[in-house]
Amino acid sequence: TKLFTARAIRDLYSLSDTVKVSEGANRTRGDYEELTPGDIYHTQDLLRAMIIESNNDVAETFANGVGEGVLVNRMNEIARYWGLLHTHFENSTGLDSSS
């Protein structure tokens, strides 16, 4: 999921964009509690953290920046484009949305 999130982020953000850590992002289940709401990072630095650490806080911050629906829709568009017709994303973290 994080790789699809990262791929969609490349369409929605520039690597040189700055991203403000959203309120509540550091409370995402499975988080690392390393991000402080209000801190500002470059997209490329947050992408590294998200991919290397599988950091849910970062995925949530990106989703909050453009809207969870916008990011998830782009992820699903990419899956369909690549022919992954039985792949469907519900969120940017890959965490089970039912719990």
PDB file of N, CA and C in Angstrom:
ATOM      1  N   THR A   1       0.817  -1.193   0.000  1.00  0.00           N
ATOM      2  CA  THR A   1       0.000   0.000   0.000  1.00  0.00           C
ATOM      3  C   THR A   1       0.856   1.251   0.000  1.00  0.00           C
ATOM      4  N   LYS A   2       1.933   1.256   0.785  1.00  0.00           N
ATOM      5  CA  LYS A   2       2.772   2.457   0.856  1.00  0.00           C
ATOM      6  C   LYS A   2       3.399   2.773  -0.496  1.00  0.00           C
ATOM      7  N   LEU A   3       3.697   1.747  -1.296  1.00  0.00           N
ATOM      8  CA  LEU A   3       4.258   2.019  -2.624  1.00  0.00           C
ATOM      9  C   LEU A   3       3.223   2.674  -3.532  1.00  0.00           C
ATOM     10  N   PHE A   4       1.979   2.257  -3.441  1.00  0.00           N
ATOM     11  CA  PHE A   4       0.922   2.919  -4.210  1.00  0.00           C
ATOM     12  C   PHE A   4       0.680   4.327  -3.687  1.00  0.00           C
ATOM     13  N   THR A   5       0.723   4.485  -2.374  1.00  0.00           N
ATOM     14  CA  THR A   5       0.578   5.820  -1.797  1.00  0.00           C
ATOM     15  C   THR A   5       1.688   6.719  -2.321  1.00  0.00           C
ATOM     16  N   ALA A   6       2.918   6.212  -2.309  1.00  0.00           N
ATOM     17  CA  ALA A   6       4.057   6.997  -2.791  1.00  0.00           C
ATOM     18  C   ALA A   6       3.896   7.349  -4.267  1.00  0.00           C
ATOM     19  N   ARG A   7       3.444   6.395  -5.062  1.00  0.00           N
ATOM     20  CA  ARG A   7       3.265   6.652  -6.501  1.00  0.00           C
ATOM     21  C   ARG A   7       2.201   7.723  -6.724  1.00  0.00           C
ATOM     22  N   ALA A   8       1.108   7.661  -5.975  1.00  0.00           N
ATOM     23  CA  ALA A   8       0.050   8.658  -6.108  1.00  0.00           C
ATOM     24  C   ALA A   8       0.535  10.025  -5.636  1.00  0.00           C
ATOM     25  N   ILE A   9       1.333  10.045  -4.593  1.00  0.00           N
ATOM     26  CA  ILE A   9       1.873  11.307  -4.079  1.00  0.00           C
ATOM     27  C   ILE A   9       2.725  11.986  -5.140  1.00  0.00           C
ATOM     28  N   ARG A  10       3.456  11.216  -5.908  1.00  0.00           N
ATOM     29  CA  ARG A  10       4.280  11.792  -6.985  1.00  0.00           C
ATOM     30  C   ARG A  10       3.416  12.515  -8.017  1.00  0.00           C
ATOM     31  N   ASP A  11       2.158  12.100  -8.170  1.00  0.00           N
ATOM     32  CA  ASP A  11       1.239  12.783  -9.081  1.00  0.00           C
ATOM     33  C   ASP A  11       0.610  14.018  -8.443  1.00  0.00           C
ATOM     34  N   LEU A  12       0.490  14.016  -7.142  1.00  0.00           N
ATOM     35  CA  LEU A  12      -0.262  15.060  -6.442  1.00  0.00           C
ATOM     36  C   LEU A  12       0.605  16.128  -5.788  1.00  0.00           C
ATOM     37  N   TYR A  13       1.871  15.835  -5.613  1.00  0.00           N
ATOM     38  CA  TYR A  13       2.815  16.764  -4.986  1.00  0.00           C
ATOM     39  C   TYR A  13       4.074  16.848  -5.839  1.00  0.00           C
ATOM     40  N   SER A  14       4.774  17.946  -5.734  1.00  0.00           N
ATOM     41  CA  SER A  14       6.120  18.064  -6.290  1.00  0.00           C
ATOM     42  C   SER A  14       7.094  17.662  -5.184  1.00  0.00           C
ATOM     43  N   LEU A  15       8.214  17.068  -5.549  1.00  0.00           N
ATOM     44  CA  LEU A  15       9.192  16.659  -4.538  1.00  0.00           C
ATOM     45  C   LEU A  15       9.723  17.835  -3.734  1.00  0.00           C
ATOM     46  N   SER A  16       9.676  19.019  -4.313  1.00  0.00           N
ATOM     47  CA  SER A  16      10.186  20.196  -3.607  1.00  0.00           C
ATOM     48  C   SER A  16       9.100  20.906  -2.790  1.00  0.00           C
ATOM     49  N   ASP A  17       7.849  20.442  -2.892  1.00  0.00           N
ATOM     50  CA  ASP A  17       6.779  21.031  -2.084  1.00  0.00           C
ATOM     51  C   ASP A  17       7.093  20.858  -0.603  1.00  0.00           C
ATOM     52  N   THR A  18       6.568  21.776   0.191  1.00  0.00           N
ATOM     53  CA  THR A  18       6.641  21.592   1.633  1.00  0.00           C
ATOM     54  C   THR A  18       5.277  21.113   2.114  1.00  0.00           C
ATOM     55  N   VAL A  19       5.318  20.258   3.122  1.00  0.00           N
ATOM     56  CA  VAL A  19       4.106  19.651   3.657  1.00  0.00           C
ATOM     57  C   VAL A  19       4.095  19.870   5.158  1.00  0.00           C
ATOM     58  N   LYS A  20       2.981  20.361   5.652  1.00  0.00           N
ATOM     59  CA  LYS A  20       2.831  20.601   7.083  1.00  0.00           C
ATOM     60  C   LYS A  20       2.206  19.362   7.724  1.00  0.00           C
ATOM     61  N   VAL A  21       2.819  18.885   8.792  1.00  0.00           N
ATOM     62  CA  VAL A  21       2.300  17.710   9.494  1.00  0.00           C
ATOM     63  C   VAL A  21       0.947  18.070  10.093  1.00  0.00           C
ATOM     64  N   SER A  22      -0.045  17.262   9.789  1.00  0.00           N
ATOM     65  CA  SER A  22      -1.414  17.549  10.197  1.00  0.00           C
ATOM     66  C   SER A  22      -1.668  17.148  11.644  1.00  0.00           C
ATOM     67  N   GLU A  23      -2.646  17.822  12.227  1.00  0.00           N
ATOM     68  CA  GLU A  23      -3.098  17.457  13.570  1.00  0.00           C
ATOM     69  C   GLU A  23      -3.637  16.034  13.534  1.00  0.00           C
ATOM     70  N   GLY A  24      -3.279  15.257  14.515  1.00  0.00           N
ATOM     71  CA  GLY A  24      -3.790  13.898  14.608  1.00  0.00           C
ATOM     72  C   GLY A  24      -3.013  12.875  13.814  1.00  0.00           C
ATOM     73  N   ALA A  25      -2.149  13.308  12.926  1.00  0.00           N
ATOM     74  CA  ALA A  25      -1.387  12.341  12.119  1.00  0.00           C
ATOM     75  C   ALA A  25      -0.478  11.497  12.995  1.00  0.00           C
ATOM     76  N   ASN A  26      -0.005  12.052  14.097  1.00  0.00           N
ATOM     77  CA  ASN A  26       0.895  11.277  14.958  1.00  0.00           C
ATOM     78  C   ASN A  26       0.128  10.359  15.906  1.00  0.00           C
ATOM     79  N   ARG A  27      -1.173  10.262  15.718  1.00  0.00           N
ATOM     80  CA  ARG A  27      -1.970   9.324  16.513  1.00  0.00           C
ATOM     81  C   ARG A  27      -2.487   8.170  15.664  1.00  0.00           C
ATOM     82  N   THR A  28      -2.001   8.055  14.441  1.00  0.00           N
ATOM     83  CA  THR A  28      -2.419   6.981  13.547  1.00  0.00           C
ATOM     84  C   THR A  28      -1.955   5.651  14.116  1.00  0.00           C
ATOM     85  N   ARG A  29      -2.829   4.664  14.067  1.00  0.00           N
ATOM     86  CA  ARG A  29      -2.471   3.332  14.565  1.00  0.00           C
ATOM     87  C   ARG A  29      -1.224   2.825  13.841  1.00  0.00           C
ATOM     88  N   GLY A  30      -0.311   2.253  14.599  1.00  0.00           N
ATOM     89  CA  GLY A  30       0.926   1.752  14.019  1.00  0.00           C
ATOM     90  C   GLY A  30       1.928   2.846  13.749  1.00  0.00           C
ATOM     91  N   ASP A  31       1.734   3.988  14.387  1.00  0.00           N
ATOM     92  CA  ASP A  31       2.600   5.135  14.106  1.00  0.00           C
ATOM     93  C   ASP A  31       3.909   5.058  14.883  1.00  0.00           C
ATOM     94  N   TYR A  32       4.783   5.977  14.562  1.00  0.00           N
ATOM     95  CA  TYR A  32       6.094   6.060  15.200  1.00  0.00           C
ATOM     96  C   TYR A  32       6.191   7.243  16.148  1.00  0.00           C
ATOM     97  N   GLU A  33       5.174   8.094  16.135  1.00  0.00           N
ATOM     98  CA  GLU A  33       5.127   9.283  16.982  1.00  0.00           C
ATOM     99  C   GLU A  33       6.384  10.144  16.854  1.00  0.00           C
ATOM    100  N   GLU A  34       6.933  10.188  15.639  1.00  0.00           N
ATOM    101  CA  GLU A  34       8.130  10.993  15.386  1.00  0.00           C
ATOM    102  C   GLU A  34       7.788  12.358  14.804  1.00  0.00           C
ATOM    103  N   LEU A  35       6.597  12.508  14.287  1.00  0.00           N
ATOM    104  CA  LEU A  35       6.210  13.764  13.657  1.00  0.00           C
ATOM    105  C   LEU A  35       5.412  14.603  14.639  1.00  0.00           C
ATOM    106  N   THR A  36       5.684  15.889  14.624  1.00  0.00           N
ATOM    107  CA  THR A  36       4.967  16.820  15.485  1.00  0.00           C
ATOM    108  C   THR A  36       4.050  17.668  14.621  1.00  0.00           C
ATOM    109  N   PRO A  37       2.751  17.705  14.962  1.00  0.00           N
ATOM    110  CA  PRO A  37       1.837  18.541  14.190  1.00  0.00           C
ATOM    111  C   PRO A  37       2.351  19.972  14.085  1.00  0.00           C
ATOM    112  N   GLY A  38       2.282  20.503  12.873  1.00  0.00           N
ATOM    113  CA  GLY A  38       2.756  21.855  12.609  1.00  0.00           C
ATOM    114  C   GLY A  38       4.150  21.895  12.007  1.00  0.00           C
ATOM    115  N   ASP A  39       4.950  20.825  12.211  1.00  0.00           N
ATOM    116  CA  ASP A  39       6.276  20.787  11.593  1.00  0.00           C
ATOM    117  C   ASP A  39       6.129  20.747  10.075  1.00  0.00           C
ATOM    118  N   ILE A  40       7.111  21.285   9.381  1.00  0.00           N
ATOM    119  CA  ILE A  40       7.074  21.359   7.920  1.00  0.00           C
ATOM    120  C   ILE A  40       8.277  20.619   7.350  1.00  0.00           C
ATOM    121  N   TYR A  41       8.015  19.777   6.351  1.00  0.00           N
ATOM    122  CA  TYR A  41       9.051  18.975   5.692  1.00  0.00           C
ATOM    123  C   TYR A  41       8.883  19.088   4.183  1.00  0.00           C
ATOM    124  N   HIS A  42       9.942  18.748   3.449  1.00  0.00           N
ATOM    125  CA  HIS A  42       9.833  18.625   1.997  1.00  0.00           C
ATOM    126  C   HIS A  42       9.211  17.272   1.676  1.00  0.00           C
ATOM    127  N   THR A  43       8.448  17.248   0.606  1.00  0.00           N
ATOM    128  CA  THR A  43       7.794  16.017   0.164  1.00  0.00           C
ATOM    129  C   THR A  43       8.789  14.875   0.048  1.00  0.00           C
ATOM    130  N   GLN A  44       9.939  15.129  -0.559  1.00  0.00           N
ATOM    131  CA  GLN A  44      10.897  14.040  -0.773  1.00  0.00           C
ATOM    132  C   GLN A  44      11.382  13.441   0.539  1.00  0.00           C
ATOM    133  N   ASP A  45      11.526  14.235   1.589  1.00  0.00           N
ATOM    134  CA  ASP A  45      11.971  13.710   2.878  1.00  0.00           C
ATOM    135  C   ASP A  45      10.880  12.868   3.539  1.00  0.00           C
ATOM    136  N   LEU A  46       9.644  13.335   3.442  1.00  0.00           N
ATOM    137  CA  LEU A  46       8.543  12.552   4.008  1.00  0.00           C
ATOM    138  C   LEU A  46       8.328  11.253   3.234  1.00  0.00           C
ATOM    139  N   LEU A  47       8.497  11.303   1.920  1.00  0.00           N
ATOM    140  CA  LEU A  47       8.369  10.072   1.121  1.00  0.00           C
ATOM    141  C   LEU A  47       9.379   9.023   1.568  1.00  0.00           C
ATOM    142  N   ARG A  48      10.595   9.448   1.799  1.00  0.00           N
ATOM    143  CA  ARG A  48      11.618   8.501   2.271  1.00  0.00           C
ATOM    144  C   ARG A  48      11.194   7.850   3.583  1.00  0.00           C
ATOM    145  N   ALA A  49      10.733   8.662   4.521  1.00  0.00           N
ATOM    146  CA  ALA A  49      10.300   8.130   5.817  1.00  0.00           C
ATOM    147  C   ALA A  49       9.128   7.172   5.654  1.00  0.00           C
ATOM    148  N   MET A  50       8.198   7.519   4.779  1.00  0.00           N
ATOM    149  CA  MET A  50       7.026   6.668   4.597  1.00  0.00           C
ATOM    150  C   MET A  50       7.418   5.318   4.014  1.00  0.00           C
ATOM    151  N   ILE A  51       8.302   5.328   3.035  1.00  0.00           N
ATOM    152  CA  ILE A  51       8.669   4.077   2.371  1.00  0.00           C
ATOM    153  C   ILE A  51       9.631   3.246   3.220  1.00  0.00           C
ATOM    154  N   ILE A  52      10.658   3.856   3.747  1.00  0.00           N
ATOM    155  CA  ILE A  52      11.663   3.108   4.498  1.00  0.00           C
ATOM    156  C   ILE A  52      11.088   2.554   5.797  1.00  0.00           C
ATOM    157  N   GLU A  53      10.309   3.370   6.504  1.00  0.00           N
ATOM    158  CA  GLU A  53       9.771   2.957   7.807  1.00  0.00           C
ATOM    159  C   GLU A  53       8.353   2.408   7.719  1.00  0.00           C
ATOM    160  N   SER A  54       7.724   2.480   6.556  1.00  0.00           N
ATOM    161  CA  SER A  54       6.302   2.195   6.395  1.00  0.00           C
ATOM    162  C   SER A  54       5.513   3.044   7.390  1.00  0.00           C
ATOM    163  N   ASN A  55       5.857   4.325   7.417  1.00  0.00           N
ATOM    164  CA  ASN A  55       5.360   5.249   8.423  1.00  0.00           C
ATOM    165  C   ASN A  55       3.930   5.712   8.112  1.00  0.00           C
ATOM    166  N   ASN A  56       2.997   5.304   8.961  1.00  0.00           N
ATOM    167  CA  ASN A  56       1.588   5.654   8.781  1.00  0.00           C
ATOM    168  C   ASN A  56       1.317   7.129   9.040  1.00  0.00           C
ATOM    169  N   ASP A  57       2.086   7.742   9.942  1.00  0.00           N
ATOM    170  CA  ASP A  57       1.912   9.165  10.232  1.00  0.00           C
ATOM    171  C   ASP A  57       2.126   9.996   8.966  1.00  0.00           C
ATOM    172  N   VAL A  58       3.125   9.626   8.209  1.00  0.00           N
ATOM    173  CA  VAL A  58       3.434  10.354   6.974  1.00  0.00           C
ATOM    174  C   VAL A  58       2.332  10.143   5.948  1.00  0.00           C
ATOM    175  N   ALA A  59       1.885   8.904   5.783  1.00  0.00           N
ATOM    176  CA  ALA A  59       0.804   8.627   4.833  1.00  0.00           C
ATOM    177  C   ALA A  59      -0.435   9.446   5.198  1.00  0.00           C
ATOM    178  N   GLU A  60      -0.732   9.514   6.476  1.00  0.00           N
ATOM    179  CA  GLU A  60      -1.888  10.283   6.938  1.00  0.00           C
ATOM    180  C   GLU A  60      -1.682  11.780   6.689  1.00  0.00           C
ATOM    181  N   THR A  61      -0.478  12.273   6.889  1.00  0.00           N
ATOM    182  CA  THR A  61      -0.186  13.683   6.633  1.00  0.00           C
ATOM    183  C   THR A  61      -0.397  14.025   5.161  1.00  0.00           C
ATOM    184  N   PHE A  62       0.109  13.184   4.267  1.00  0.00           N
ATOM    185  CA  PHE A  62      -0.112  13.416   2.836  1.00  0.00           C
ATOM    186  C   PHE A  62      -1.607  13.369   2.503  1.00  0.00           C
ATOM    187  N   ALA A  63      -2.315  12.388   3.045  1.00  0.00           N
ATOM    188  CA  ALA A  63      -3.744  12.260   2.768  1.00  0.00           C
ATOM    189  C   ALA A  63      -4.499  13.490   3.260  1.00  0.00           C
ATOM    190  N   ASN A  64      -4.153  13.980   4.425  1.00  0.00           N
ATOM    191  CA  ASN A  64      -4.820  15.176   4.944  1.00  0.00           C
ATOM    192  C   ASN A  64      -4.500  16.407   4.106  1.00  0.00           C
ATOM    193  N   GLY A  65      -3.333  16.428   3.495  1.00  0.00           N
ATOM    194  CA  GLY A  65      -2.928  17.579   2.688  1.00  0.00           C
ATOM    195  C   GLY A  65      -3.745  17.757   1.422  1.00  0.00           C
ATOM    196  N   VAL A  66      -4.094  16.653   0.774  1.00  0.00           N
ATOM    197  CA  VAL A  66      -4.860  16.738  -0.484  1.00  0.00           C
ATOM    198  C   VAL A  66      -6.278  16.215  -0.329  1.00  0.00           C
ATOM    199  N   GLY A  67      -6.565  15.598   0.787  1.00  0.00           N
ATOM    200  CA  GLY A  67      -7.849  14.949   1.019  1.00  0.00           C
ATOM    201  C   GLY A  67      -7.692  13.454   0.848  1.00  0.00           C
ATOM    202  N   GLU A  68      -8.129  12.710   1.838  1.00  0.00           N
ATOM    203  CA  GLU A  68      -7.991  11.240   1.793  1.00  0.00           C
ATOM    204  C   GLU A  68      -8.636  10.676   0.528  1.00  0.00           C
ATOM    205  N   GLY A  69      -9.813  11.166   0.176  1.00  0.00           N
ATOM    206  CA  GLY A  69     -10.500  10.663  -1.012  1.00  0.00           C
ATOM    207  C   GLY A  69      -9.728  10.907  -2.291  1.00  0.00           C
ATOM    208  N   VAL A  70      -9.118  12.068  -2.410  1.00  0.00           N
ATOM    209  CA  VAL A  70      -8.326  12.395  -3.601  1.00  0.00           C
ATOM    210  C   VAL A  70      -7.144  11.436  -3.725  1.00  0.00           C
ATOM    211  N   LEU A  71      -6.431  11.224  -2.630  1.00  0.00           N
ATOM    212  CA  LEU A  71      -5.257  10.347  -2.659  1.00  0.00           C
ATOM    213  C   LEU A  71      -5.662   8.904  -2.940  1.00  0.00           C
ATOM    214  N   VAL A  72      -6.681   8.417  -2.266  1.00  0.00           N
ATOM    215  CA  VAL A  72      -7.121   7.033  -2.457  1.00  0.00           C
ATOM    216  C   VAL A  72      -7.671   6.830  -3.866  1.00  0.00           C
ATOM    217  N   ASN A  73      -8.410   7.798  -4.385  1.00  0.00           N
ATOM    218  CA  ASN A  73      -8.899   7.683  -5.767  1.00  0.00           C
ATOM    219  C   ASN A  73      -7.742   7.565  -6.742  1.00  0.00           C
ATOM    220  N   ARG A  74      -6.698   8.364  -6.534  1.00  0.00           N
ATOM    221  CA  ARG A  74      -5.539   8.288  -7.431  1.00  0.00           C
ATOM    222  C   ARG A  74      -4.861   6.932  -7.316  1.00  0.00           C
ATOM    223  N   MET A  75      -4.745   6.408  -6.091  1.00  0.00           N
ATOM    224  CA  MET A  75      -4.151   5.080  -5.905  1.00  0.00           C
ATOM    225  C   MET A  75      -4.946   4.022  -6.671  1.00  0.00           C
ATOM    226  N   ASN A  76      -6.266   4.086  -6.596  1.00  0.00           N
ATOM    227  CA  ASN A  76      -7.113   3.119  -7.299  1.00  0.00           C
ATOM    228  C   ASN A  76      -7.046   3.298  -8.816  1.00  0.00           C
ATOM    229  N   GLU A  77      -6.923   4.529  -9.282  1.00  0.00           N
ATOM    230  CA  GLU A  77      -6.738   4.777 -10.720  1.00  0.00           C
ATOM    231  C   GLU A  77      -5.448   4.134 -11.209  1.00  0.00           C
ATOM    232  N   ILE A  78      -4.386   4.268 -10.442  1.00  0.00           N
ATOM    233  CA  ILE A  78      -3.094   3.679 -10.811  1.00  0.00           C
ATOM    234  C   ILE A  78      -3.212   2.157 -10.871  1.00  0.00           C
ATOM    235  N   ALA A  79      -3.875   1.572  -9.886  1.00  0.00           N
ATOM    236  CA  ALA A  79      -4.062   0.112  -9.870  1.00  0.00           C
ATOM    237  C   ALA A  79      -4.803  -0.352 -11.122  1.00  0.00           C
ATOM    238  N   ARG A  80      -5.880   0.347 -11.476  1.00  0.00           N
ATOM    239  CA  ARG A  80      -6.636  -0.019 -12.686  1.00  0.00           C
ATOM    240  C   ARG A  80      -5.771   0.151 -13.937  1.00  0.00           C
ATOM    241  N   TYR A  81      -5.017   1.246 -14.012  1.00  0.00           N
ATOM    242  CA  TYR A  81      -4.149   1.500 -15.160  1.00  0.00           C
ATOM    243  C   TYR A  81      -3.131   0.369 -15.331  1.00  0.00           C
ATOM    244  N   TRP A  82      -2.618  -0.135 -14.233  1.00  0.00           N
ATOM    245  CA  TRP A  82      -1.641  -1.221 -14.278  1.00  0.00           C
ATOM    246  C   TRP A  82      -2.283  -2.595 -14.455  1.00  0.00           C
ATOM    247  N   GLY A  83      -3.612  -2.623 -14.599  1.00  0.00           N
ATOM    248  CA  GLY A  83      -4.306  -3.879 -14.832  1.00  0.00           C
ATOM    249  C   GLY A  83      -4.602  -4.678 -13.574  1.00  0.00           C
ATOM    250  N   LEU A  84      -4.470  -4.064 -12.424  1.00  0.00           N
ATOM    251  CA  LEU A  84      -4.730  -4.755 -11.159  1.00  0.00           C
ATOM    252  C   LEU A  84      -6.203  -4.557 -10.797  1.00  0.00           C
ATOM    253  N   LEU A  85      -7.052  -5.265 -11.510  1.00  0.00           N
ATOM    254  CA  LEU A  85      -8.490  -5.038 -11.437  1.00  0.00           C
ATOM    255  C   LEU A  85      -9.123  -5.517 -10.132  1.00  0.00           C
ATOM    256  N   HIS A  86      -8.435  -6.356  -9.385  1.00  0.00           N
ATOM    257  CA  HIS A  86      -8.968  -6.854  -8.115  1.00  0.00           C
ATOM    258  C   HIS A  86      -8.283  -6.175  -6.922  1.00  0.00           C
ATOM    259  N   THR A  87      -7.575  -5.105  -7.182  1.00  0.00           N
ATOM    260  CA  THR A  87      -6.916  -4.337  -6.127  1.00  0.00           C
ATOM    261  C   THR A  87      -7.746  -3.099  -5.856  1.00  0.00           C
ATOM    262  N   HIS A  88      -8.058  -2.874  -4.582  1.00  0.00           N
ATOM    263  CA  HIS A  88      -8.847  -1.701  -4.205  1.00  0.00           C
ATOM    264  C   HIS A  88      -8.318  -1.165  -2.882  1.00  0.00           C
ATOM    265  N   PHE A  89      -8.019   0.124  -2.860  1.00  0.00           N
ATOM    266  CA  PHE A  89      -7.520   0.769  -1.651  1.00  0.00           C
ATOM    267  C   PHE A  89      -8.630   1.561  -0.989  1.00  0.00           C
ATOM    268  N   GLU A  90      -8.660   1.535   0.334  1.00  0.00           N
ATOM    269  CA  GLU A  90      -9.635   2.302   1.103  1.00  0.00           C
ATOM    270  C   GLU A  90      -9.009   3.448   1.860  1.00  0.00           C
ATOM    271  N   ASN A  91      -7.700   3.395   2.031  1.00  0.00           N
ATOM    272  CA  ASN A  91      -6.997   4.461   2.741  1.00  0.00           C
ATOM    273  C   ASN A  91      -5.541   4.480   2.316  1.00  0.00           C
ATOM    274  N   SER A  92      -4.811   5.456   2.788  1.00  0.00           N
ATOM    275  CA  SER A  92      -3.416   5.624   2.367  1.00  0.00           C
ATOM    276  C   SER A  92      -2.425   4.827   3.202  1.00  0.00           C
ATOM    277  N   THR A  93      -2.883   4.233   4.309  1.00  0.00           N
ATOM    278  CA  THR A  93      -1.960   3.526   5.204  1.00  0.00           C
ATOM    279  C   THR A  93      -1.927   2.035   4.987  1.00  0.00           C
ATOM    280  N   GLY A  94      -3.010   1.472   4.478  1.00  0.00           N
ATOM    281  CA  GLY A  94      -3.093   0.029   4.344  1.00  0.00           C
ATOM    282  C   GLY A  94      -3.634  -0.644   5.591  1.00  0.00           C
ATOM    283  N   LEU A  95      -3.961   0.165   6.607  1.00  0.00           N
ATOM    284  CA  LEU A  95      -4.537  -0.404   7.819  1.00  0.00           C
ATOM    285  C   LEU A  95      -5.987  -0.762   7.567  1.00  0.00           C
ATOM    286  N   ASP A  96      -6.447  -1.823   8.183  1.00  0.00           N
ATOM    287  CA  ASP A  96      -7.832  -2.255   8.067  1.00  0.00           C
ATOM    288  C   ASP A  96      -8.755  -1.143   8.516  1.00  0.00           C
ATOM    289  N   SER A  97      -9.619  -0.701   7.647  1.00  0.00           N
ATOM    290  CA  SER A  97     -10.501   0.422   7.974  1.00  0.00           C
ATOM    291  C   SER A  97     -11.668   0.020   8.864  1.00  0.00           C
ATOM    292  N   SER A  98     -11.875  -1.278   9.067  1.00  0.00           N
ATOM    293  CA  SER A  98     -13.011  -1.716   9.884  1.00  0.00           C
ATOM    294  C   SER A  98     -12.700  -1.750  11.374  1.00  0.00           C
ATOM    295  N   SER A  99     -11.435  -1.595  11.749  1.00  0.00           N
ATOM    296  CA  SER A  99     -11.117  -1.641  13.188  1.00  0.00           C
ATOM    297  C   SER A  99     -10.729  -0.300  13.715  1.00  0.00           C
TER     298      SER A  99
END
